[in-house]
Amino acid sequence: MNPRRIDVELELPASVKGSFSIASCSVVEGMSEHCEAEFHLASSHDIDFEPAIGETVVARILLDGAEVRRFTLRFFRVAFEGLVMGSRR
């Protein structure tokens, strides 16, 4: 049996410049409740996320490269956690 690959993509508004990788993410949804998602991003440089606050972002879950779930979310906050293994989070 071949292992399956799960990936997550995060599409931010064009106003956010810079590259990052997703270190981890958590998505919680329920019936008659707002969906909440938390992403921990890693980057080798500072990224200004302030222009994205209040804007729409899209998160996709991919299974073996094919999209299996899509979440359209509102970007509400950002926090700098510090340096982890040489990258900003």
PDB file of N, CA and C in Angstrom:
ATOM      1  N   MET A   1       0.841  -1.178   0.000  1.00  0.00           N
ATOM      2  CA  MET A   1       0.000   0.000   0.000  1.00  0.00           C
ATOM      3  C   MET A   1       0.885   1.239   0.000  1.00  0.00           C
ATOM      4  N   ASN A   2       0.654   2.127  -0.947  1.00  0.00           N
ATOM      5  CA  ASN A   2       1.433   3.355  -1.048  1.00  0.00           C
ATOM      6  C   ASN A   2       0.913   4.393  -0.057  1.00  0.00           C
ATOM      7  N   PRO A   3       1.826   5.141   0.589  1.00  0.00           N
ATOM      8  CA  PRO A   3       1.378   6.203   1.491  1.00  0.00           C
ATOM      9  C   PRO A   3       0.736   7.330   0.696  1.00  0.00           C
ATOM     10  N   ARG A   4      -0.240   7.982   1.294  1.00  0.00           N
ATOM     11  CA  ARG A   4      -0.934   9.100   0.652  1.00  0.00           C
ATOM     12  C   ARG A   4      -0.316  10.396   1.146  1.00  0.00           C
ATOM     13  N   ARG A   5      -0.322  11.397   0.332  1.00  0.00           N
ATOM     14  CA  ARG A   5       0.275  12.686   0.668  1.00  0.00           C
ATOM     15  C   ARG A   5      -0.834  13.710   0.919  1.00  0.00           C
ATOM     16  N   ILE A   6      -0.766  14.362   2.075  1.00  0.00           N
ATOM     17  CA  ILE A   6      -1.696  15.437   2.416  1.00  0.00           C
ATOM     18  C   ILE A   6      -0.913  16.744   2.442  1.00  0.00           C
ATOM     19  N   ASP A   7      -1.412  17.739   1.733  1.00  0.00           N
ATOM     20  CA  ASP A   7      -0.811  19.068   1.706  1.00  0.00           C
ATOM     21  C   ASP A   7      -1.872  20.103   2.037  1.00  0.00           C
ATOM     22  N   VAL A   8      -1.391  21.262   2.481  1.00  0.00           N
ATOM     23  CA  VAL A   8      -2.273  22.391   2.760  1.00  0.00           C
ATOM     24  C   VAL A   8      -1.717  23.598   2.024  1.00  0.00           C
ATOM     25  N   GLU A   9      -2.595  24.332   1.364  1.00  0.00           N
ATOM     26  CA  GLU A   9      -2.218  25.573   0.689  1.00  0.00           C
ATOM     27  C   GLU A   9      -2.997  26.718   1.311  1.00  0.00           C
ATOM     28  N   LEU A  10      -2.368  27.871   1.400  1.00  0.00           N
ATOM     29  CA  LEU A  10      -3.013  29.069   1.927  1.00  0.00           C
ATOM     30  C   LEU A  10      -2.822  30.185   0.918  1.00  0.00           C
ATOM     31  N   GLU A  11      -3.925  30.679   0.391  1.00  0.00           N
ATOM     32  CA  GLU A  11      -3.890  31.765  -0.594  1.00  0.00           C
ATOM     33  C   GLU A  11      -4.216  33.068   0.118  1.00  0.00           C
ATOM     34  N   LEU A  12      -3.238  33.955   0.175  1.00  0.00           N
ATOM     35  CA  LEU A  12      -3.391  35.253   0.825  1.00  0.00           C
ATOM     36  C   LEU A  12      -3.634  36.328  -0.227  1.00  0.00           C
ATOM     37  N   PRO A  13      -4.169  37.484   0.187  1.00  0.00           N
ATOM     38  CA  PRO A  13      -4.356  38.577  -0.768  1.00  0.00           C
ATOM     39  C   PRO A  13      -3.019  38.993  -1.397  1.00  0.00           C
ATOM     40  N   ALA A  14      -3.073  39.546  -2.602  1.00  0.00           N
ATOM     41  CA  ALA A  14      -1.868  39.972  -3.312  1.00  0.00           C
ATOM     42  C   ALA A  14      -1.103  41.052  -2.551  1.00  0.00           C
ATOM     43  N   SER A  15      -1.756  41.722  -1.613  1.00  0.00           N
ATOM     44  CA  SER A  15      -1.094  42.781  -0.840  1.00  0.00           C
ATOM     45  C   SER A  15      -0.038  42.237   0.118  1.00  0.00           C
ATOM     46  N   VAL A  16      -0.070  40.927   0.390  1.00  0.00           N
ATOM     47  CA  VAL A  16       0.932  40.297   1.254  1.00  0.00           C
ATOM     48  C   VAL A  16       2.066  39.805   0.369  1.00  0.00           C
ATOM     49  N   LYS A  17       3.248  40.381   0.580  1.00  0.00           N
ATOM     50  CA  LYS A  17       4.417  40.049  -0.237  1.00  0.00           C
ATOM     51  C   LYS A  17       5.363  39.169   0.570  1.00  0.00           C
ATOM     52  N   GLY A  18       5.913  38.158  -0.039  1.00  0.00           N
ATOM     53  CA  GLY A  18       6.891  37.302   0.619  1.00  0.00           C
ATOM     54  C   GLY A  18       6.515  35.842   0.520  1.00  0.00           C
ATOM     55  N   SER A  19       7.497  34.999   0.758  1.00  0.00           N
ATOM     56  CA  SER A  19       7.256  33.564   0.702  1.00  0.00           C
ATOM     57  C   SER A  19       7.294  32.966   2.104  1.00  0.00           C
ATOM     58  N   PHE A  20       6.549  31.902   2.274  1.00  0.00           N
ATOM     59  CA  PHE A  20       6.458  31.243   3.574  1.00  0.00           C
ATOM     60  C   PHE A  20       6.118  29.785   3.349  1.00  0.00           C
ATOM     61  N   SER A  21       6.298  29.010   4.381  1.00  0.00           N
ATOM     62  CA  SER A  21       5.826  27.627   4.360  1.00  0.00           C
ATOM     63  C   SER A  21       4.862  27.457   5.527  1.00  0.00           C
ATOM     64  N   ILE A  22       3.967  26.503   5.412  1.00  0.00           N
ATOM     65  CA  ILE A  22       3.012  26.233   6.488  1.00  0.00           C
ATOM     66  C   ILE A  22       3.649  25.206   7.410  1.00  0.00           C
ATOM     67  N   ALA A  23       3.941  25.627   8.647  1.00  0.00           N
ATOM     68  CA  ALA A  23       4.538  24.731   9.633  1.00  0.00           C
ATOM     69  C   ALA A  23       3.475  23.806  10.222  1.00  0.00           C
ATOM     70  N   SER A  24       2.284  24.347  10.451  1.00  0.00           N
ATOM     71  CA  SER A  24       1.161  23.547  10.953  1.00  0.00           C
ATOM     72  C   SER A  24      -0.128  24.326  10.746  1.00  0.00           C
ATOM     73  N   CYS A  25      -1.236  23.622  10.808  1.00  0.00           N
ATOM     74  CA  CYS A  25      -2.532  24.292  10.731  1.00  0.00           C
ATOM     75  C   CYS A  25      -3.581  23.449  11.447  1.00  0.00           C
ATOM     76  N   SER A  26      -4.626  24.131  11.853  1.00  0.00           N
ATOM     77  CA  SER A  26      -5.754  23.487  12.522  1.00  0.00           C
ATOM     78  C   SER A  26      -7.028  24.137  12.000  1.00  0.00           C
ATOM     79  N   VAL A  27      -7.991  23.325  11.602  1.00  0.00           N
ATOM     80  CA  VAL A  27      -9.276  23.828  11.122  1.00  0.00           C
ATOM     81  C   VAL A  27     -10.368  23.172  11.945  1.00  0.00           C
ATOM     82  N   VAL A  28     -11.264  23.995  12.492  1.00  0.00           N
ATOM     83  CA  VAL A  28     -12.377  23.497  13.299  1.00  0.00           C
ATOM     84  C   VAL A  28     -13.664  24.029  12.683  1.00  0.00           C
ATOM     85  N   GLU A  29     -14.565  23.121  12.370  1.00  0.00           N
ATOM     86  CA  GLU A  29     -15.865  23.532  11.847  1.00  0.00           C
ATOM     87  C   GLU A  29     -16.950  22.690  12.496  1.00  0.00           C
ATOM     88  N   GLY A  30     -18.126  23.250  12.563  1.00  0.00           N
ATOM     89  CA  GLY A  30     -19.252  22.540  13.150  1.00  0.00           C
ATOM     90  C   GLY A  30     -20.550  23.020  12.542  1.00  0.00           C
ATOM     91  N   MET A  31     -21.599  22.283  12.771  1.00  0.00           N
ATOM     92  CA  MET A  31     -22.905  22.680  12.248  1.00  0.00           C
ATOM     93  C   MET A  31     -23.345  23.972  12.905  1.00  0.00           C
ATOM     94  N   SER A  32     -23.828  24.898  12.095  1.00  0.00           N
ATOM     95  CA  SER A  32     -24.331  26.193  12.557  1.00  0.00           C
ATOM     96  C   SER A  32     -23.292  26.991  13.329  1.00  0.00           C
ATOM     97  N   GLU A  33     -22.023  26.786  13.043  1.00  0.00           N
ATOM     98  CA  GLU A  33     -20.950  27.534  13.688  1.00  0.00           C
ATOM     99  C   GLU A  33     -19.998  28.047  12.624  1.00  0.00           C
ATOM    100  N   HIS A  34     -19.313  29.129  12.963  1.00  0.00           N
ATOM    101  CA  HIS A  34     -18.290  29.650  12.057  1.00  0.00           C
ATOM    102  C   HIS A  34     -17.104  28.703  12.044  1.00  0.00           C
ATOM    103  N   CYS A  35     -16.512  28.565  10.908  1.00  0.00           N
ATOM    104  CA  CYS A  35     -15.294  27.774  10.769  1.00  0.00           C
ATOM    105  C   CYS A  35     -14.127  28.618  11.279  1.00  0.00           C
ATOM    106  N   GLU A  36     -13.236  27.997  12.039  1.00  0.00           N
ATOM    107  CA  GLU A  36     -12.046  28.682  12.533  1.00  0.00           C
ATOM    108  C   GLU A  36     -10.818  27.920  12.068  1.00  0.00           C
ATOM    109  N   ALA A  37      -9.811  28.666  11.645  1.00  0.00           N
ATOM    110  CA  ALA A  37      -8.566  28.054  11.210  1.00  0.00           C
ATOM    111  C   ALA A  37      -7.394  28.817  11.811  1.00  0.00           C
ATOM    112  N   GLU A  38      -6.371  28.091  12.156  1.00  0.00           N
ATOM    113  CA  GLU A  38      -5.156  28.692  12.690  1.00  0.00           C
ATOM    114  C   GLU A  38      -3.974  28.105  11.928  1.00  0.00           C
ATOM    115  N   PHE A  39      -3.175  28.988  11.362  1.00  0.00           N
ATOM    116  CA  PHE A  39      -2.006  28.586  10.597  1.00  0.00           C
ATOM    117  C   PHE A  39      -0.755  29.099  11.282  1.00  0.00           C
ATOM    118  N   HIS A  40       0.242  28.249  11.366  1.00  0.00           N
ATOM    119  CA  HIS A  40       1.556  28.633  11.863  1.00  0.00           C
ATOM    120  C   HIS A  40       2.470  28.630  10.645  1.00  0.00           C
ATOM    121  N   LEU A  41       2.928  29.823  10.282  1.00  0.00           N
ATOM    122  CA  LEU A  41       3.733  29.995   9.085  1.00  0.00           C
ATOM    123  C   LEU A  41       5.194  30.189   9.452  1.00  0.00           C
ATOM    124  N   ALA A  42       6.077  29.737   8.596  1.00  0.00           N
ATOM    125  CA  ALA A  42       7.514  29.903   8.795  1.00  0.00           C
ATOM    126  C   ALA A  42       8.089  30.637   7.591  1.00  0.00           C
ATOM    127  N   SER A  43       8.991  31.583   7.864  1.00  0.00           N
ATOM    128  CA  SER A  43       9.624  32.344   6.802  1.00  0.00           C
ATOM    129  C   SER A  43      11.033  32.732   7.220  1.00  0.00           C
ATOM    130  N   SER A  44      11.894  32.903   6.247  1.00  0.00           N
ATOM    131  CA  SER A  44      13.260  33.320   6.548  1.00  0.00           C
ATOM    132  C   SER A  44      13.379  34.833   6.667  1.00  0.00           C
ATOM    133  N   HIS A  45      12.291  35.562   6.408  1.00  0.00           N
ATOM    134  CA  HIS A  45      12.310  37.022   6.496  1.00  0.00           C
ATOM    135  C   HIS A  45      10.971  37.536   7.037  1.00  0.00           C
ATOM    136  N   ASP A  46      10.950  38.804   7.408  1.00  0.00           N
ATOM    137  CA  ASP A  46       9.713  39.416   7.911  1.00  0.00           C
ATOM    138  C   ASP A  46       8.700  39.564   6.781  1.00  0.00           C
ATOM    139  N   ILE A  47       7.449  39.266   7.092  1.00  0.00           N
ATOM    140  CA  ILE A  47       6.353  39.461   6.138  1.00  0.00           C
ATOM    141  C   ILE A  47       5.330  40.369   6.811  1.00  0.00           C
ATOM    142  N   ASP A  48       4.893  41.396   6.107  1.00  0.00           N
ATOM    143  CA  ASP A  48       3.887  42.316   6.626  1.00  0.00           C
ATOM    144  C   ASP A  48       2.501  41.761   6.291  1.00  0.00           C
ATOM    145  N   PHE A  49       1.843  41.188   7.295  1.00  0.00           N
ATOM    146  CA  PHE A  49       0.508  40.615   7.089  1.00  0.00           C
ATOM    147  C   PHE A  49      -0.608  41.629   7.343  1.00  0.00           C
ATOM    148  N   GLU A  50      -0.267  42.811   7.833  1.00  0.00           N
ATOM    149  CA  GLU A  50      -1.288  43.799   8.182  1.00  0.00           C
ATOM    150  C   GLU A  50      -2.248  44.121   7.035  1.00  0.00           C
ATOM    151  N   PRO A  51      -1.779  44.231   5.775  1.00  0.00           N
ATOM    152  CA  PRO A  51      -2.733  44.509   4.690  1.00  0.00           C
ATOM    153  C   PRO A  51      -3.798  43.421   4.513  1.00  0.00           C
ATOM    154  N   ALA A  52      -3.554  42.227   5.013  1.00  0.00           N
ATOM    155  CA  ALA A  52      -4.508  41.121   4.841  1.00  0.00           C
ATOM    156  C   ALA A  52      -5.593  41.098   5.912  1.00  0.00           C
ATOM    157  N   ILE A  53      -5.404  41.821   7.001  1.00  0.00           N
ATOM    158  CA  ILE A  53      -6.381  41.787   8.092  1.00  0.00           C
ATOM    159  C   ILE A  53      -7.735  42.297   7.599  1.00  0.00           C
ATOM    160  N   GLY A  54      -8.754  41.491   7.811  1.00  0.00           N
ATOM    161  CA  GLY A  54     -10.106  41.802   7.355  1.00  0.00           C
ATOM    162  C   GLY A  54     -10.398  41.308   5.950  1.00  0.00           C
ATOM    163  N   GLU A  55      -9.392  40.811   5.260  1.00  0.00           N
ATOM    164  CA  GLU A  55      -9.554  40.341   3.888  1.00  0.00           C
ATOM    165  C   GLU A  55      -9.889  38.846   3.858  1.00  0.00           C
ATOM    166  N   THR A  56     -10.283  38.372   2.686  1.00  0.00           N
ATOM    167  CA  THR A  56     -10.611  36.966   2.485  1.00  0.00           C
ATOM    168  C   THR A  56      -9.353  36.189   2.115  1.00  0.00           C
ATOM    169  N   VAL A  57      -9.204  35.007   2.716  1.00  0.00           N
ATOM    170  CA  VAL A  57      -8.128  34.083   2.367  1.00  0.00           C
ATOM    171  C   VAL A  57      -8.765  32.733   2.043  1.00  0.00           C
ATOM    172  N   VAL A  58      -8.050  31.921   1.290  1.00  0.00           N
ATOM    173  CA  VAL A  58      -8.561  30.608   0.911  1.00  0.00           C
ATOM    174  C   VAL A  58      -7.559  29.550   1.355  1.00  0.00           C
ATOM    175  N   ALA A  59      -8.038  28.562   2.075  1.00  0.00           N
ATOM    176  CA  ALA A  59      -7.216  27.425   2.486  1.00  0.00           C
ATOM    177  C   ALA A  59      -7.716  26.193   1.744  1.00  0.00           C
ATOM    178  N   ARG A  60      -6.767  25.422   1.250  1.00  0.00           N
ATOM    179  CA  ARG A  60      -7.119  24.203   0.519  1.00  0.00           C
ATOM    180  C   ARG A  60      -6.405  23.012   1.134  1.00  0.00           C
ATOM    181  N   ILE A  61      -7.113  21.911   1.245  1.00  0.00           N
ATOM    182  CA  ILE A  61      -6.499  20.652   1.671  1.00  0.00           C
ATOM    183  C   ILE A  61      -6.428  19.768   0.434  1.00  0.00           C
ATOM    184  N   LEU A  62      -5.224  19.275   0.172  1.00  0.00           N
ATOM    185  CA  LEU A  62      -4.981  18.445  -1.003  1.00  0.00           C
ATOM    186  C   LEU A  62      -4.635  17.031  -0.576  1.00  0.00           C
ATOM    187  N   LEU A  63      -5.147  16.062  -1.269  1.00  0.00           N
ATOM    188  CA  LEU A  63      -4.825  14.659  -1.038  1.00  0.00           C
ATOM    189  C   LEU A  63      -4.226  14.127  -2.330  1.00  0.00           C
ATOM    190  N   ASP A  64      -2.966  13.739  -2.268  1.00  0.00           N
ATOM    191  CA  ASP A  64      -2.234  13.293  -3.460  1.00  0.00           C
ATOM    192  C   ASP A  64      -2.323  14.321  -4.588  1.00  0.00           C
ATOM    193  N   GLY A  65      -2.272  15.614  -4.218  1.00  0.00           N
ATOM    194  CA  GLY A  65      -2.269  16.695  -5.195  1.00  0.00           C
ATOM    195  C   GLY A  65      -3.634  17.171  -5.643  1.00  0.00           C
ATOM    196  N   ALA A  66      -4.696  16.468  -5.279  1.00  0.00           N
ATOM    197  CA  ALA A  66      -6.053  16.849  -5.680  1.00  0.00           C
ATOM    198  C   ALA A  66      -6.761  17.546  -4.517  1.00  0.00           C
ATOM    199  N   GLU A  67      -7.407  18.660  -4.818  1.00  0.00           N
ATOM    200  CA  GLU A  67      -8.136  19.397  -3.782  1.00  0.00           C
ATOM    201  C   GLU A  67      -9.320  18.572  -3.281  1.00  0.00           C
ATOM    202  N   VAL A  68      -9.389  18.368  -1.949  1.00  0.00           N
ATOM    203  CA  VAL A  68     -10.504  17.627  -1.367  1.00  0.00           C
ATOM    204  C   VAL A  68     -11.359  18.507  -0.457  1.00  0.00           C
ATOM    205  N   ARG A  69     -10.799  19.633   0.002  1.00  0.00           N
ATOM    206  CA  ARG A  69     -11.566  20.581   0.837  1.00  0.00           C
ATOM    207  C   ARG A  69     -11.079  21.985   0.560  1.00  0.00           C
ATOM    208  N   ARG A  70     -11.991  22.929   0.605  1.00  0.00           N
ATOM    209  CA  ARG A  70     -11.661  24.349   0.430  1.00  0.00           C
ATOM    210  C   ARG A  70     -12.406  25.137   1.508  1.00  0.00           C
ATOM    211  N   PHE A  71     -11.688  26.040   2.124  1.00  0.00           N
ATOM    212  CA  PHE A  71     -12.271  26.905   3.147  1.00  0.00           C
ATOM    213  C   PHE A  71     -12.024  28.354   2.740  1.00  0.00           C
ATOM    214  N   THR A  72     -13.078  29.141   2.645  1.00  0.00           N
ATOM    215  CA  THR A  72     -12.952  30.574   2.403  1.00  0.00           C
ATOM    216  C   THR A  72     -13.151  31.247   3.750  1.00  0.00           C
ATOM    217  N   LEU A  73     -12.118  31.955   4.182  1.00  0.00           N
ATOM    218  CA  LEU A  73     -12.064  32.468   5.552  1.00  0.00           C
ATOM    219  C   LEU A  73     -11.772  33.959   5.565  1.00  0.00           C
ATOM    220  N   ARG A  74     -12.030  34.597   6.684  1.00  0.00           N
ATOM    221  CA  ARG A  74     -11.677  35.996   6.893  1.00  0.00           C
ATOM    222  C   ARG A  74     -10.427  36.028   7.761  1.00  0.00           C
ATOM    223  N   PHE A  75      -9.432  36.790   7.340  1.00  0.00           N
ATOM    224  CA  PHE A  75      -8.159  36.910   8.062  1.00  0.00           C
ATOM    225  C   PHE A  75      -8.347  37.930   9.188  1.00  0.00           C
ATOM    226  N   PHE A  76      -8.232  37.481  10.448  1.00  0.00           N
ATOM    227  CA  PHE A  76      -8.529  38.368  11.568  1.00  0.00           C
ATOM    228  C   PHE A  76      -7.330  38.815  12.378  1.00  0.00           C
ATOM    229  N   ARG A  77      -6.326  37.998  12.522  1.00  0.00           N
ATOM    230  CA  ARG A  77      -5.205  38.418  13.371  1.00  0.00           C
ATOM    231  C   ARG A  77      -3.932  37.670  12.991  1.00  0.00           C
ATOM    232  N   VAL A  78      -2.835  38.278  13.407  1.00  0.00           N
ATOM    233  CA  VAL A  78      -1.529  37.690  13.174  1.00  0.00           C
ATOM    234  C   VAL A  78      -0.682  37.944  14.411  1.00  0.00           C
ATOM    235  N   ALA A  79       0.172  36.999  14.751  1.00  0.00           N
ATOM    236  CA  ALA A  79       1.047  37.143  15.916  1.00  0.00           C
ATOM    237  C   ALA A  79       2.415  36.563  15.574  1.00  0.00           C
ATOM    238  N   PHE A  80       3.445  37.230  16.028  1.00  0.00           N
ATOM    239  CA  PHE A  80       4.809  36.739  15.860  1.00  0.00           C
ATOM    240  C   PHE A  80       5.133  35.872  17.063  1.00  0.00           C
ATOM    241  N   GLU A  81       5.435  34.608  16.832  1.00  0.00           N
ATOM    242  CA  GLU A  81       5.717  33.672  17.924  1.00  0.00           C
ATOM    243  C   GLU A  81       7.183  33.665  18.319  1.00  0.00           C
ATOM    244  N   GLY A  82       8.049  34.079  17.401  1.00  0.00           N
ATOM    245  CA  GLY A  82       9.473  34.082  17.675  1.00  0.00           C
ATOM    246  C   GLY A  82      10.224  33.283  16.635  1.00  0.00           C
ATOM    247  N   LEU A  83      11.491  33.056  16.912  1.00  0.00           N
ATOM    248  CA  LEU A  83      12.321  32.262  16.012  1.00  0.00           C
ATOM    249  C   LEU A  83      12.266  30.799  16.422  1.00  0.00           C
ATOM    250  N   VAL A  84      11.959  29.940  15.476  1.00  0.00           N
ATOM    251  CA  VAL A  84      11.891  28.510  15.722  1.00  0.00           C
ATOM    252  C   VAL A  84      12.763  27.834  14.673  1.00  0.00           C
ATOM    253  N   MET A  85      13.783  27.151  15.111  1.00  0.00           N
ATOM    254  CA  MET A  85      14.689  26.450  14.200  1.00  0.00           C
ATOM    255  C   MET A  85      15.185  27.362  13.075  1.00  0.00           C
ATOM    256  N   GLY A  86      15.494  28.608  13.406  1.00  0.00           N
ATOM    257  CA  GLY A  86      16.065  29.544  12.446  1.00  0.00           C
ATOM    258  C   GLY A  86      15.078  30.259  11.554  1.00  0.00           C
ATOM    259  N   SER A  87      13.770  30.024  11.718  1.00  0.00           N
ATOM    260  CA  SER A  87      12.795  30.723  10.889  1.00  0.00           C
ATOM    261  C   SER A  87      11.839  31.517  11.772  1.00  0.00           C
ATOM    262  N   ARG A  88      11.310  32.592  11.198  1.00  0.00           N
ATOM    263  CA  ARG A  88      10.342  33.435  11.908  1.00  0.00           C
ATOM    264  C   ARG A  88       8.980  32.760  11.848  1.00  0.00           C
ATOM    265  N   ARG A  89       8.288  32.748  12.983  1.00  0.00           N
ATOM    266  CA  ARG A  89       6.933  32.181  13.021  1.00  0.00           C
ATOM    267  C   ARG A  89       6.011  33.116  13.750  1.00  0.00           C
TER     268      ARG A  89
END
